Amino acid sequence: MHLKEGIAVLREGCFEYANPAFMSITGCRWDMLVGRALPELFPAGERDAILRSHDAVCATGLASTPHEFWIETDRGELRIEMTMTLLRSGEPAPVLATVVDVTPKRRRMDEIRKLSDRLQSILHSMHDVVVSLSAEDATVLSINPAAELLYGIPMRNLTTASESDLIALAHPEDQGKVGDFYRSITAREFDELEYRIVRSDGTVRWVRDEGYVVFCASRGMQRIDHMIRDITEEKQAILDLYRSEKRYKDFFHKTKDMAFTVSPEGVFLDINDAGIKLLGLPGRKAALRSNVYDFVELPVALDEMLRELNERGHVSNRSVTLKPTSEVPIEVDITARAKKNESGAVLYYEGIASNITQAMENQRNRVLRNTAAGMCHYLNSHLMHISSALDGIEEELSEMDERFIITARPEDKDEIWGSGRDALSGYIRDVNLGYRKISKITRAFNSAFLTYREESYLDKTILDIFGACHPEGSD
C-alpha cells in the first residue's frame, strides 16, 4: 500500500481508526475524528454520495469505485480520491476507507485538458486538414472540420473512415501514387506529395499532403499524421505565371521590334534576334558582352532617359538615334520601364525599341511635298500677276499703235501717249511686285537649304521660309 495514502477504519459508519496520512490529508486531528460519522467529515454536497457508496459496500461486499471531490483544509482546497473496501474480520464487518491527495494530478490533468481544448480550437479553425491514422489498422483516429470543406463530405462519414477511404478520394489517375505514398510513410517517417482530389460535387482540387510518423512513448504506440493543404489557387497562380512568361517569351523573341533588358550600367542582359539584327551584331554572345552606350549617337540623350526611368519608373515613345555597327544612323522609338526591388533600387531596365527611321523619312518627305506644293501655289499666284501685267502691256502697246496710225493731230498723239504711259506704269508696278515676291522666296530657300543639315524634323526651316515670304503690308 502506498505510504501517501490515508487509511481509516469505519465500523457502523463511524471512524474507529485513522493513520497519520489520513489525518494530514483531511486536516482533522484524531480527537476530532474518532467516533465521528463518515459523511460529516466531508462537504455537504458530497455526503449523500459518500453515504450511498458506504452502504453499497456493506450490502454487496464489493469495493467502491474511486470517487473524486474537493475539500477545504487549512492548507487550502484539495482534490481527493476516496475508495472503500469491506473488511471480513469482526462483526459487524468494518469498512476500510482510503483517501489519496490527487490535487497535483488533477491540476495537471486540467492543464492538459485546457491545452487539449486550445489545440482542438486551433485544429477546428485551421484551413488545412489534419488527420491522424492508427499505425495498426489504418483507421482514422481524429480529423478536423476543415476536411468537410475540402472534400465536401460530412464529418460523420470522415470520422469513421480509413486510410483506403482517403486514398479513394484522390483523382483516379493519382490513386496509384497516393496509395504508395500512404503505405511508405511508416518506413520513411516523413514524406510529402502533391496530387489531385475529386470533391463530392465532382470538382477537382490540388492538395499538398505532408505525412509523418508520431510515436507516443507513454502509450507505447505509433500514429501517422497527415496535414493536407488545398493548393489549387497556388497551382493556378503558377500555371498562370508560366503561361504569362511563355507569352512574354514568345512576344520577346517573335516581335520584329528590338526587345531588350539592360543592367543599370547599360550592359545587355537579354536581347531578341530582331535587336541583334538591328544593331548589326554577329550573334547573341556578342550582344550580351555589349553596352547600350556603344550604340547611342548622343549619350546625353540616353542619360536623360535613364534619369526619367529612375524617377518615374517608365518612359514612352522616346526618340533616340542609334549608331549600329554599319555606322548608318537609325532612329528608334523607345518605350521602357525600370524594374526595382523592395527597397527601390533598380534591378534592370526592359523595353521595346521600334525602328522609325523609314517613318521619319516618310514624314520628312511628306513635309517637303507639302512645302513644295505650297511654294508652287505661292509662285503661281505671283507669276499670274506678272503674266497678266505682260498681257496688259502688250495690249496697251497695240492699242497705242492703232490710235497713232488713225490720228493726225499732234495734240491727240500727246493724249494717247500720256494715257498709255500711265497704263504701262501700272503694269510695271505689278511686274515689280511679283518680281519682289519671287525674289523673297528665292532668298528664303537659299538661306534655308544652302546651309541645310539633316534634321529630325523640318518644321522650323519651313516656318522660317513661310515667315520670310509673308506679305508685308499691302506690298
Protein backbone atom coordinates (compact mmCIF):
# COMPACT_ATOMS: atom_id res chain seq x y z
CA MET A 1 0.00 0.00 0.00
CA HIS A 2 1.29 3.48 -0.94
CA LEU A 3 2.68 5.38 2.05
CA LYS A 4 0.94 8.59 0.92
CA GLU A 5 -2.49 7.00 1.14
CA GLY A 6 -4.69 7.95 4.05
CA ILE A 7 -6.34 4.95 5.70
CA ALA A 8 -9.28 4.86 8.10
CA VAL A 9 -11.34 2.02 9.56
CA LEU A 10 -15.08 2.55 9.89
CA ARG A 11 -17.48 0.49 12.00
CA GLU A 12 -21.17 1.10 11.56
CA GLY A 13 -20.32 4.21 9.61
CA CYS A 14 -18.16 5.86 12.28
CA PHE A 15 -14.40 6.34 12.44
CA GLU A 16 -12.63 3.74 14.56
CA TYR A 17 -9.06 4.28 13.33
CA ALA A 18 -7.12 6.63 11.02
CA ASN A 19 -3.45 6.72 10.11
CA PRO A 20 -1.43 9.96 10.15
CA ALA A 21 -1.65 10.30 6.37
CA PHE A 22 -5.45 10.29 6.54
CA MET A 23 -5.46 12.98 9.22
CA SER A 24 -2.89 15.04 7.27
CA ILE A 25 -4.89 14.87 4.05
CA THR A 26 -8.26 15.67 5.65
CA GLY A 27 -6.81 18.19 8.11
CA CYS A 28 -8.52 16.59 11.15
CA ARG A 29 -6.90 15.66 14.47
CA TRP A 30 -7.61 12.26 15.96
CA ASP A 31 -9.67 13.62 18.84
CA MET A 32 -11.91 15.34 16.30
CA LEU A 33 -12.13 12.23 14.17
CA VAL A 34 -12.75 9.23 16.48
CA GLY A 35 -16.40 8.21 16.75
CA ARG A 36 -17.48 10.75 14.13
CA ALA A 37 -19.83 9.65 11.34
CA LEU A 38 -18.11 9.32 7.94
CA PRO A 39 -20.20 11.83 5.92
CA GLU A 40 -19.80 14.60 8.49
CA LEU A 41 -16.11 14.97 7.67
CA PHE A 42 -16.68 15.95 4.07
CA PRO A 43 -18.50 18.75 2.18
CA ALA A 44 -22.30 18.76 2.36
CA GLY A 45 -22.64 18.34 -1.38
CA GLU A 46 -20.72 15.05 -1.28
CA ARG A 47 -22.25 13.47 1.86
CA ASP A 48 -25.16 11.67 0.21
CA ALA A 49 -22.90 10.14 -2.43
CA ILE A 50 -20.35 9.03 0.21
CA LEU A 51 -23.09 7.51 2.38
CA ARG A 52 -24.62 5.64 -0.57
CA SER A 53 -21.20 4.30 -1.52
CA HIS A 54 -20.58 3.11 2.10
CA ASP A 55 -23.96 1.39 2.33
CA ALA A 56 -23.42 -0.31 -1.05
CA VAL A 57 -20.04 -1.68 0.10
CA CYS A 58 -21.62 -3.06 3.27
CA ALA A 59 -24.53 -4.58 1.37
CA THR A 60 -22.61 -6.15 -1.54
CA GLY A 61 -19.17 -6.71 -0.08
CA LEU A 62 -17.69 -5.21 -3.25
CA ALA A 63 -15.17 -2.38 -3.29
CA SER A 64 -16.49 1.01 -4.35
CA THR A 65 -15.40 2.82 -7.46
CA PRO A 66 -12.99 5.73 -6.88
CA HIS A 67 -14.83 8.94 -6.10
CA GLU A 68 -13.14 12.34 -6.51
CA PHE A 69 -14.21 15.59 -4.86
CA TRP A 70 -12.83 18.84 -3.46
CA ILE A 71 -12.40 19.51 0.28
CA GLU A 72 -11.39 22.60 2.26
CA THR A 73 -8.37 22.27 4.60
CA ASP A 74 -6.09 24.63 6.44
CA ARG A 75 -3.70 24.18 3.51
CA GLY A 76 -6.33 25.29 1.07
CA GLU A 77 -8.56 23.44 -1.38
CA LEU A 78 -7.57 19.83 -2.12
CA ARG A 79 -8.82 17.27 -4.56
CA ILE A 80 -9.02 13.79 -3.01
CA GLU A 81 -9.90 10.37 -4.32
CA MET A 82 -11.79 8.01 -1.98
CA THR A 83 -12.37 4.26 -2.22
CA MET A 84 -13.99 1.92 0.32
CA THR A 85 -13.50 -1.83 0.87
CA LEU A 86 -15.26 -4.25 3.24
CA LEU A 87 -13.01 -5.99 5.78
CA ARG A 88 -14.05 -9.58 6.56
CA SER A 89 -12.89 -9.66 10.19
CA GLY A 90 -15.18 -8.69 13.03
CA GLU A 91 -18.88 -8.30 13.46
CA PRO A 92 -20.28 -6.05 12.17
CA ALA A 93 -17.67 -6.08 9.40
CA PRO A 94 -15.62 -2.89 9.35
CA VAL A 95 -15.08 -0.81 6.19
CA LEU A 96 -11.63 0.35 5.10
CA ALA A 97 -11.71 3.89 3.66
CA THR A 98 -8.73 5.05 1.62
CA VAL A 99 -8.09 8.66 0.53
CA VAL A 100 -5.36 9.94 -1.78
CA ASP A 101 -4.44 13.57 -2.48
CA VAL A 102 -4.78 13.84 -6.27
CA THR A 103 -4.62 17.66 -6.39
CA PRO A 104 -1.33 17.83 -8.37
CA LYS A 105 -2.55 15.14 -10.73
CA ARG A 106 -5.90 16.83 -11.17
CA ARG A 107 -4.29 20.20 -11.82
CA ARG A 108 -2.01 18.63 -14.39
CA MET A 109 -5.00 16.96 -15.98
CA ASP A 110 -6.85 20.29 -16.01
CA GLU A 111 -3.89 21.95 -17.68
CA ILE A 112 -3.69 19.12 -20.19
CA ARG A 113 -7.43 19.41 -20.81
CA LYS A 114 -7.16 23.18 -21.33
CA LEU A 115 -4.22 22.66 -23.65
CA SER A 116 -6.18 19.99 -25.50
CA ASP A 117 -9.14 22.34 -25.79
CA ARG A 118 -6.89 25.06 -27.19
CA LEU A 119 -5.34 22.63 -29.64
CA GLN A 120 -8.77 21.42 -30.68
CA SER A 121 -9.84 25.03 -31.16
CA ILE A 122 -6.76 25.66 -33.32
CA LEU A 123 -7.38 22.50 -35.33
CA HIS A 124 -11.02 23.42 -35.83
CA SER A 125 -10.12 26.91 -37.03
CA MET A 126 -7.40 25.70 -39.39
CA HIS A 127 -8.00 25.70 -43.13
CA ASP A 128 -5.60 22.77 -43.52
CA VAL A 129 -6.88 19.26 -42.97
CA VAL A 130 -5.19 17.44 -40.07
CA VAL A 131 -5.92 13.71 -39.87
CA SER A 132 -4.40 11.08 -37.57
CA LEU A 133 -4.37 7.44 -38.63
CA SER A 134 -3.73 4.40 -36.49
CA ALA A 135 -0.44 2.72 -37.36
CA GLU A 136 -2.01 -0.63 -36.52
CA ASP A 137 -5.24 -0.78 -38.54
CA ALA A 138 -5.03 2.50 -40.58
CA THR A 139 -8.35 3.78 -39.21
CA VAL A 140 -8.97 7.48 -38.65
CA LEU A 141 -8.24 8.42 -35.04
CA SER A 142 -9.12 12.09 -35.47
CA ILE A 143 -9.81 14.57 -38.23
CA ASN A 144 -10.59 18.29 -38.08
CA PRO A 145 -13.64 20.03 -39.64
CA ALA A 146 -11.55 21.50 -42.49
CA ALA A 147 -11.83 18.09 -44.13
CA GLU A 148 -15.56 18.55 -44.63
CA LEU A 149 -14.94 21.77 -46.55
CA LEU A 150 -12.11 20.30 -48.62
CA TYR A 151 -13.74 17.01 -49.59
CA GLY A 152 -17.39 18.08 -49.45
CA ILE A 153 -18.17 15.03 -47.28
CA PRO A 154 -19.99 15.17 -43.86
CA MET A 155 -17.76 14.84 -40.80
CA ARG A 156 -19.71 11.83 -39.55
CA ASN A 157 -18.53 9.90 -42.61
CA LEU A 158 -14.94 11.11 -42.34
CA THR A 159 -14.53 10.26 -38.63
CA THR A 160 -15.35 6.62 -39.38
CA ALA A 161 -13.16 6.45 -42.49
CA SER A 162 -9.90 4.62 -43.01
CA GLU A 163 -6.72 5.11 -44.99
CA SER A 164 -8.20 3.36 -48.03
CA ASP A 165 -11.19 5.73 -47.95
CA LEU A 166 -8.85 8.76 -48.06
CA ILE A 167 -6.91 7.23 -50.97
CA ALA A 168 -10.21 6.68 -52.81
CA LEU A 169 -10.87 10.43 -52.65
CA ALA A 170 -7.83 11.06 -54.87
CA HIS A 171 -8.25 11.59 -58.61
CA PRO A 172 -8.40 8.20 -60.39
CA GLU A 173 -5.19 8.99 -62.28
CA ASP A 174 -3.39 9.78 -58.99
CA GLN A 175 -4.71 6.99 -56.74
CA GLY A 176 -1.79 4.70 -57.51
CA LYS A 177 0.92 7.11 -56.37
CA VAL A 178 -1.21 8.28 -53.41
CA GLY A 179 -1.56 4.67 -52.22
CA ASP A 180 2.21 4.14 -52.47
CA PHE A 181 2.76 7.40 -50.60
CA TYR A 182 0.48 6.41 -47.68
CA ARG A 183 1.92 2.91 -47.40
CA SER A 184 5.54 4.14 -47.39
CA ILE A 185 5.15 6.73 -44.61
CA THR A 186 5.89 4.22 -41.84
CA ALA A 187 9.24 3.31 -43.35
CA ARG A 188 10.23 6.83 -44.42
CA GLU A 189 8.85 8.55 -41.28
CA PHE A 190 8.25 11.73 -43.30
CA ASP A 191 7.28 12.44 -46.89
CA GLU A 192 5.08 14.76 -48.93
CA LEU A 193 3.17 14.54 -52.18
CA GLU A 194 1.12 16.85 -54.38
CA TYR A 195 -1.88 15.27 -56.06
CA ARG A 196 -5.45 15.89 -57.14
CA ILE A 197 -8.63 15.03 -55.27
CA VAL A 198 -12.22 14.87 -56.50
CA ARG A 199 -14.80 16.53 -54.25
CA SER A 200 -18.28 15.12 -53.79
CA ASP A 201 -19.61 17.70 -56.29
CA GLY A 202 -17.16 16.46 -58.94
CA THR A 203 -14.79 19.43 -58.87
CA VAL A 204 -11.06 18.71 -58.88
CA ARG A 205 -8.70 20.33 -56.36
CA TRP A 206 -4.93 20.17 -55.94
CA VAL A 207 -3.57 19.33 -52.45
CA ARG A 208 -0.16 19.05 -50.80
CA ASP A 209 -0.10 16.13 -48.35
CA GLU A 210 2.61 16.02 -45.67
CA GLY A 211 2.70 12.73 -43.77
CA TYR A 212 4.85 11.86 -40.75
CA VAL A 213 5.04 9.19 -38.06
CA VAL A 214 4.35 10.18 -34.43
CA PHE A 215 5.46 7.89 -31.60
CA CYS A 216 3.85 8.24 -28.18
CA ALA A 217 6.32 6.79 -25.66
CA SER A 218 3.91 6.86 -22.72
CA ARG A 219 1.34 4.79 -24.59
CA GLY A 220 3.85 2.71 -26.49
CA MET A 221 2.10 3.15 -29.83
CA GLN A 222 2.50 4.92 -33.15
CA ARG A 223 0.14 7.01 -35.24
CA ILE A 224 0.52 8.58 -38.66
CA ASP A 225 -0.44 12.23 -39.04
CA HIS A 226 -1.23 13.92 -42.34
CA MET A 227 -1.52 17.66 -42.95
CA ILE A 228 -3.38 18.20 -46.21
CA ARG A 229 -3.44 21.71 -47.71
CA ASP A 230 -5.54 22.94 -50.62
CA ILE A 231 -3.06 24.40 -53.13
CA THR A 232 -5.42 24.82 -56.07
CA GLU A 233 -5.04 28.63 -56.17
CA GLU A 234 -1.28 28.29 -55.77
CA LYS A 235 -1.15 25.80 -58.65
CA GLN A 236 -3.34 28.06 -60.77
CA ALA A 237 -1.13 31.06 -59.99
CA ILE A 238 1.97 29.09 -61.00
CA LEU A 239 0.24 27.93 -64.18
CA ASP A 240 -0.87 31.49 -65.00
CA LEU A 241 2.67 32.74 -64.35
CA TYR A 242 4.08 30.03 -66.62
CA ARG A 243 1.63 30.93 -69.37
CA SER A 244 2.36 34.63 -68.90
CA GLU A 245 6.10 34.02 -69.07
CA LYS A 246 5.61 31.85 -72.15
CA ARG A 247 3.55 34.56 -73.85
CA TYR A 248 6.16 37.13 -72.87
CA LYS A 249 8.99 34.98 -74.21
CA ASP A 250 7.07 34.29 -77.40
CA PHE A 251 6.46 38.02 -77.86
CA PHE A 252 10.04 38.84 -76.83
CA HIS A 253 11.59 36.57 -79.41
CA LYS A 254 9.00 36.85 -82.19
CA THR A 255 8.41 40.60 -82.27
CA LYS A 256 10.02 42.44 -85.16
CA ASP A 257 10.94 45.28 -82.83
CA MET A 258 14.05 45.25 -80.68
CA ALA A 259 13.17 43.84 -77.22
CA PHE A 260 15.88 44.24 -74.61
CA THR A 261 16.84 44.05 -70.95
CA VAL A 262 19.83 46.01 -69.69
CA SER A 263 21.53 46.41 -66.31
CA PRO A 264 21.68 49.79 -64.52
CA GLU A 265 25.18 50.15 -66.02
CA GLY A 266 23.80 49.65 -69.54
CA VAL A 267 25.09 46.09 -70.17
CA PHE A 268 22.70 43.94 -72.20
CA LEU A 269 21.21 41.17 -70.03
CA ASP A 270 18.90 39.92 -72.76
CA ILE A 271 18.04 40.90 -76.33
CA ASN A 272 15.96 39.28 -79.03
CA ASP A 273 17.03 38.36 -82.55
CA ALA A 274 15.41 41.48 -84.01
CA GLY A 275 17.57 43.65 -81.73
CA ILE A 276 20.73 41.76 -82.63
CA LYS A 277 19.96 42.29 -86.31
CA LEU A 278 19.08 45.96 -85.81
CA LEU A 279 22.40 46.68 -84.08
CA GLY A 280 24.31 44.68 -86.69
CA LEU A 281 25.86 42.29 -84.16
CA PRO A 282 27.15 38.86 -85.18
CA GLY A 283 25.22 36.92 -82.53
CA ARG A 284 23.73 36.71 -79.07
CA LYS A 285 27.05 36.20 -77.26
CA ALA A 286 28.46 39.37 -78.77
CA ALA A 287 25.27 41.24 -77.81
CA LEU A 288 25.47 40.16 -74.16
CA ARG A 289 29.04 41.45 -73.99
CA SER A 290 27.99 44.87 -75.33
CA ASN A 291 26.81 48.04 -73.65
CA VAL A 292 23.91 50.10 -74.91
CA TYR A 293 26.07 53.24 -74.74
CA ASP A 294 28.19 51.76 -77.54
CA PHE A 295 25.25 52.21 -79.92
CA VAL A 296 23.86 55.61 -78.90
CA GLU A 297 24.81 58.56 -81.08
CA LEU A 298 24.23 61.08 -78.26
CA PRO A 299 24.96 59.52 -74.81
CA VAL A 300 23.46 62.57 -73.12
CA ALA A 301 20.05 61.66 -74.59
CA LEU A 302 20.33 58.20 -73.05
CA ASP A 303 21.39 59.67 -69.69
CA GLU A 304 18.31 61.88 -69.71
CA MET A 305 16.04 58.93 -70.48
CA LEU A 306 17.60 56.81 -67.70
CA ARG A 307 17.08 59.63 -65.21
CA GLU A 308 13.41 59.76 -66.14
CA LEU A 309 13.20 55.97 -65.83
CA ASN A 310 14.69 56.10 -62.33
CA GLU A 311 12.33 58.88 -61.25
CA ARG A 312 9.06 57.87 -62.91
CA GLY A 313 9.66 54.16 -63.44
CA HIS A 314 8.78 54.27 -67.15
CA VAL A 315 9.14 56.22 -70.38
CA SER A 316 7.03 56.12 -73.53
CA ASN A 317 7.76 56.96 -77.17
CA ARG A 318 11.19 58.47 -76.61
CA SER A 319 13.07 59.11 -79.86
CA VAL A 320 16.75 58.13 -79.78
CA THR A 321 19.28 57.88 -82.60
CA LEU A 322 21.31 54.67 -82.60
CA LYS A 323 24.58 54.06 -84.36
CA PRO A 324 24.84 50.34 -85.22
CA THR A 325 27.97 48.61 -86.43
CA SER A 326 27.08 49.62 -90.01
CA GLU A 327 27.65 53.27 -88.94
CA VAL A 328 24.34 54.22 -90.61
CA PRO A 329 22.27 56.11 -88.01
CA ILE A 330 18.95 54.56 -87.06
CA GLU A 331 16.17 56.45 -85.35
CA VAL A 332 14.20 54.37 -82.84
CA ASP A 333 11.16 54.96 -80.64
CA ILE A 334 11.74 53.53 -77.14
CA THR A 335 9.17 52.52 -74.52
CA ALA A 336 10.73 51.10 -71.35
CA ARG A 337 10.27 50.58 -67.64
CA ALA A 338 12.57 50.20 -64.63
CA LYS A 339 12.29 47.02 -62.56
CA LYS A 340 13.05 47.79 -58.89
CA ASN A 341 13.42 45.74 -55.72
CA GLU A 342 11.51 46.29 -52.46
CA SER A 343 13.96 48.97 -51.33
CA GLY A 344 13.53 50.91 -54.57
CA ALA A 345 16.93 50.08 -56.11
CA VAL A 346 16.90 49.48 -59.88
CA LEU A 347 17.49 45.85 -60.82
CA TYR A 348 17.31 46.28 -64.59
CA TYR A 349 15.56 48.12 -67.40
CA GLU A 350 13.41 46.41 -70.01
CA GLY A 351 11.71 47.78 -73.07
CA ILE A 352 10.93 47.83 -76.78
CA ALA A 353 12.73 49.89 -79.43
CA SER A 354 10.89 50.35 -82.73
CA ASN A 355 12.83 51.34 -85.84
CA ILE A 356 11.14 54.55 -87.04
CA THR A 357 13.86 55.62 -89.49
CA GLN A 358 11.72 54.99 -92.56
CA ALA A 359 8.67 56.50 -90.87
CA MET A 360 10.61 59.66 -90.07
CA GLU A 361 11.96 59.80 -93.61
CA ASN A 362 8.42 59.44 -94.94
CA GLN A 363 7.36 62.24 -92.65
CA ARG A 364 10.16 64.45 -93.94
CA ASN A 365 9.14 63.66 -97.50
CA ARG A 366 5.52 64.49 -96.75
CA VAL A 367 6.58 67.78 -95.19
CA LEU A 368 8.75 68.59 -98.21
CA ARG A 369 5.97 67.66 -100.63
CA ASN A 370 3.51 69.83 -98.75
CA THR A 371 6.05 72.63 -98.67
CA ALA A 372 6.75 72.33 -102.39
CA ALA A 373 3.01 72.37 -103.14
CA GLY A 374 2.60 75.48 -101.00
CA MET A 375 5.54 77.18 -102.71
CA CYS A 376 4.20 76.26 -106.15
CA HIS A 377 0.84 77.78 -105.28
CA TYR A 378 2.57 80.88 -103.92
CA LEU A 379 4.80 81.24 -107.01
CA ASN A 380 1.93 80.57 -109.41
CA SER A 381 -0.11 83.35 -107.82
CA HIS A 382 2.65 85.92 -108.46
CA LEU A 383 3.53 84.53 -111.87
CA MET A 384 -0.11 85.02 -112.82
CA HIS A 385 0.22 88.68 -111.77
CA ILE A 386 3.33 89.02 -113.97
CA SER A 387 1.62 87.20 -116.86
CA SER A 388 -1.44 89.43 -116.60
CA ALA A 389 0.78 92.53 -116.47
CA LEU A 390 2.69 91.42 -119.58
CA ASP A 391 -0.55 90.78 -121.43
CA GLY A 392 -1.77 94.21 -120.38
CA ILE A 393 1.44 95.83 -121.66
CA GLU A 394 1.12 94.03 -124.97
CA GLU A 395 -2.50 95.10 -125.40
CA GLU A 396 -1.75 98.66 -124.37
CA LEU A 397 1.09 98.92 -126.93
CA SER A 398 -1.13 97.54 -129.72
CA GLU A 399 -3.88 99.99 -128.85
CA MET A 400 -1.39 102.90 -128.86
CA ASP A 401 -0.09 101.84 -132.29
CA GLU A 402 -3.60 101.81 -133.73
CA ARG A 403 -4.52 105.17 -132.27
CA PHE A 404 -1.24 106.73 -133.52
CA ILE A 405 -1.94 105.49 -137.05
CA ILE A 406 -5.53 106.76 -137.32
CA THR A 407 -4.99 110.12 -135.68
CA ALA A 408 -3.28 113.06 -137.40
CA ARG A 409 -3.39 115.83 -134.87
CA PRO A 410 -0.35 116.28 -132.56
CA GLU A 411 -2.46 117.14 -129.55
CA ASP A 412 -4.29 113.83 -129.88
CA LYS A 413 -1.00 111.93 -130.04
CA ASP A 414 0.15 113.58 -126.80
CA GLU A 415 -3.05 112.46 -125.06
CA ILE A 416 -2.63 108.90 -126.38
CA TRP A 417 0.94 108.79 -125.20
CA GLY A 418 0.07 110.12 -121.68
CA SER A 419 -2.76 107.65 -121.04
CA GLY A 420 -0.63 104.79 -122.42
CA ARG A 421 2.29 105.71 -120.22
CA ASP A 422 0.06 105.71 -117.10
CA ALA A 423 -1.32 102.28 -118.00
CA LEU A 424 2.17 100.91 -118.67
CA SER A 425 3.41 102.27 -115.34
CA GLY A 426 0.65 100.35 -113.54
CA TYR A 427 1.58 97.12 -115.29
CA ILE A 428 5.25 97.69 -114.49
CA ARG A 429 4.37 98.07 -110.81
CA ASP A 430 2.56 94.71 -110.92
CA VAL A 431 5.60 93.11 -112.58
CA ASN A 432 7.92 94.60 -109.96
CA LEU A 433 5.68 93.36 -107.12
CA GLY A 434 5.66 89.82 -108.50
CA TYR A 435 9.40 90.05 -109.00
CA ARG A 436 9.97 91.08 -105.39
CA LYS A 437 7.75 88.26 -104.07
CA ILE A 438 9.56 85.65 -106.12
CA SER A 439 12.91 87.14 -105.08
CA LYS A 440 11.93 86.74 -101.40
CA ILE A 441 11.12 83.09 -101.96
CA THR A 442 14.44 82.57 -103.71
CA ARG A 443 16.38 84.24 -100.91
CA ALA A 444 14.46 82.26 -98.25
CA PHE A 445 15.22 78.94 -99.96
CA ASN A 446 18.86 79.90 -100.41
CA SER A 447 19.13 80.82 -96.72
CA ALA A 448 17.38 77.63 -95.55
CA PHE A 449 18.87 74.99 -97.82
CA LEU A 450 22.33 76.17 -98.83
CA THR A 451 23.30 75.75 -95.13
CA TYR A 452 20.91 72.81 -94.50
CA ARG A 453 21.95 69.89 -92.36
CA GLU A 454 19.94 66.70 -91.73
CA GLU A 455 17.32 67.44 -89.08
CA SER A 456 14.86 65.15 -87.30
CA TYR A 457 12.07 67.48 -88.41
CA LEU A 458 11.90 70.34 -91.00
CA ASP A 459 9.22 72.30 -89.19
CA LYS A 460 11.46 75.19 -88.14
CA THR A 461 13.03 75.51 -91.56
CA ILE A 462 9.65 75.57 -93.27
CA LEU A 463 8.26 78.10 -90.81
CA ASP A 464 11.29 80.30 -91.50
CA ILE A 465 10.62 80.15 -95.23
CA PHE A 466 6.93 80.99 -94.85
CA GLY A 467 7.83 83.77 -92.43
CA ALA A 468 10.22 85.24 -94.98
CA CYS A 469 7.57 85.06 -97.69
CA HIS A 470 4.72 86.57 -95.64
CA PRO A 471 3.34 89.71 -97.28
CA GLU A 472 4.35 92.98 -95.61
CA GLY A 473 1.51 95.49 -95.53
CA SER A 474 0.00 95.94 -98.94
CA ASP A 475 3.29 95.09 -100.63
